[in-house]
Amino acid sequence: SGPVDTMSDLIDRYVREVAPTKAPRTYQDNLRQAKLLRAFFGQMAPADVTPQHLYLYQAERAAQAPVQANR
């Protein structure tokens, strides 16, 4: 379904193809999470995302919303 050059492309694809198959509450949560993920990882190439990036994102997210950070 189109090229996936950036994490934003990948997130868009998930929101378009996978998220709508979820329960309504989960779908809404996925939309909110997608905005946050896009803001942090958006222009990165998927292959460039490292465990360190994931840890940094989770740590920053945990400072604001500890439970959501793990989701």
C-alpha atoms as a PDB file:
ATOM      1  CA  SER A   1       0.000   0.000   0.000  1.00  0.00           C
ATOM      2  CA  GLY A   2       2.561   2.536  -1.058  1.00  0.00           C
ATOM      3  CA  PRO A   3       6.166   3.121  -0.118  1.00  0.00           C
ATOM      4  CA  VAL A   4       7.235   3.305   3.507  1.00  0.00           C
ATOM      5  CA  ASP A   5      10.204   5.665   3.611  1.00  0.00           C
ATOM      6  CA  THR A   6       9.665   7.241   7.024  1.00  0.00           C
ATOM      7  CA  MET A   7       8.189   6.251  10.348  1.00  0.00           C
ATOM      8  CA  SER A   8       5.383   8.699   9.581  1.00  0.00           C
ATOM      9  CA  ASP A   9       4.551   6.611   6.487  1.00  0.00           C
ATOM     10  CA  LEU A  10       4.575   3.462   8.609  1.00  0.00           C
ATOM     11  CA  ILE A  11       2.370   5.026  11.288  1.00  0.00           C
ATOM     12  CA  ASP A  12      -0.052   6.277   8.623  1.00  0.00           C
ATOM     13  CA  ARG A  13      -0.266   2.774   7.171  1.00  0.00           C
ATOM     14  CA  TYR A  14      -0.999   1.296  10.616  1.00  0.00           C
ATOM     15  CA  VAL A  15      -3.705   3.908  11.256  1.00  0.00           C
ATOM     16  CA  ARG A  16      -5.247   3.222   7.854  1.00  0.00           C
ATOM     17  CA  GLU A  17      -5.007  -0.587   7.727  1.00  0.00           C
ATOM     18  CA  VAL A  18      -4.753  -1.999  11.255  1.00  0.00           C
ATOM     19  CA  ALA A  19      -6.215   0.464  13.758  1.00  0.00           C
ATOM     20  CA  PRO A  20      -9.735   0.398  12.233  1.00  0.00           C
ATOM     21  CA  THR A  21      -9.935  -3.340  12.955  1.00  0.00           C
ATOM     22  CA  LYS A  22      -9.585  -2.716  16.702  1.00  0.00           C
ATOM     23  CA  ALA A  23     -12.327  -2.137  19.259  1.00  0.00           C
ATOM     24  CA  PRO A  24     -13.625   1.469  19.270  1.00  0.00           C
ATOM     25  CA  ARG A  25     -11.779   2.479  22.450  1.00  0.00           C
ATOM     26  CA  THR A  26      -8.527   0.890  21.265  1.00  0.00           C
ATOM     27  CA  TYR A  27      -8.926   2.592  17.886  1.00  0.00           C
ATOM     28  CA  GLN A  28      -9.273   6.001  19.554  1.00  0.00           C
ATOM     29  CA  ASP A  29      -6.243   5.268  21.747  1.00  0.00           C
ATOM     30  CA  ASN A  30      -4.263   4.250  18.652  1.00  0.00           C
ATOM     31  CA  LEU A  31      -5.097   7.570  16.958  1.00  0.00           C
ATOM     32  CA  ARG A  32      -3.845   9.533  19.971  1.00  0.00           C
ATOM     33  CA  GLN A  33      -0.725   7.399  20.241  1.00  0.00           C
ATOM     34  CA  ALA A  34      -0.036   7.777  16.515  1.00  0.00           C
ATOM     35  CA  LYS A  35       0.156  11.571  16.874  1.00  0.00           C
ATOM     36  CA  LEU A  36       2.721  11.263  19.660  1.00  0.00           C
ATOM     37  CA  LEU A  37       4.763   8.655  17.824  1.00  0.00           C
ATOM     38  CA  ARG A  38       4.703  10.714  14.632  1.00  0.00           C
ATOM     39  CA  ALA A  39       5.930  13.798  16.503  1.00  0.00           C
ATOM     40  CA  PHE A  40       8.894  11.881  17.929  1.00  0.00           C
ATOM     41  CA  PHE A  41       9.838   9.449  15.144  1.00  0.00           C
ATOM     42  CA  GLY A  42       8.073  10.917  12.093  1.00  0.00           C
ATOM     43  CA  GLN A  43      10.944  11.767   9.746  1.00  0.00           C
ATOM     44  CA  MET A  44      13.187   8.883  10.744  1.00  0.00           C
ATOM     45  CA  ALA A  45      13.620   5.919   8.430  1.00  0.00           C
ATOM     46  CA  PRO A  46      12.266   2.752  10.083  1.00  0.00           C
ATOM     47  CA  ALA A  47      15.682   1.088   9.733  1.00  0.00           C
ATOM     48  CA  ASP A  48      17.285   3.953  11.662  1.00  0.00           C
ATOM     49  CA  VAL A  49      15.183   3.486  14.809  1.00  0.00           C
ATOM     50  CA  THR A  50      17.376   1.957  17.509  1.00  0.00           C
ATOM     51  CA  PRO A  51      16.582   0.519  20.934  1.00  0.00           C
ATOM     52  CA  GLN A  52      18.047   3.739  22.358  1.00  0.00           C
ATOM     53  CA  HIS A  53      15.441   5.792  20.470  1.00  0.00           C
ATOM     54  CA  LEU A  54      12.684   3.564  21.838  1.00  0.00           C
ATOM     55  CA  TYR A  55      14.006   3.862  25.369  1.00  0.00           C
ATOM     56  CA  LEU A  56      14.234   7.656  25.084  1.00  0.00           C
ATOM     57  CA  TYR A  57      10.679   7.875  23.759  1.00  0.00           C
ATOM     58  CA  GLN A  58       9.352   5.627  26.506  1.00  0.00           C
ATOM     59  CA  ALA A  59      11.199   7.597  29.203  1.00  0.00           C
ATOM     60  CA  GLU A  60       9.858  10.917  27.920  1.00  0.00           C
ATOM     61  CA  ARG A  61       6.357   9.491  27.627  1.00  0.00           C
ATOM     62  CA  ALA A  62       6.509   7.964  31.117  1.00  0.00           C
ATOM     63  CA  ALA A  63       7.194  11.387  32.596  1.00  0.00           C
ATOM     64  CA  GLN A  64       3.796  12.527  31.299  1.00  0.00           C
ATOM     65  CA  ALA A  65       1.724   9.337  31.275  1.00  0.00           C
ATOM     66  CA  PRO A  66       3.360   6.301  32.918  1.00  0.00           C
ATOM     67  CA  VAL A  67       0.716   3.743  31.932  1.00  0.00           C
ATOM     68  CA  GLN A  68       0.437   4.956  28.333  1.00  0.00           C
ATOM     69  CA  ALA A  69       4.209   4.878  27.958  1.00  0.00           C
ATOM     70  CA  ASN A  70       4.146   1.085  27.788  1.00  0.00           C
ATOM     71  CA  ARG A  71       1.402   1.014  25.203  1.00  0.00           C
END
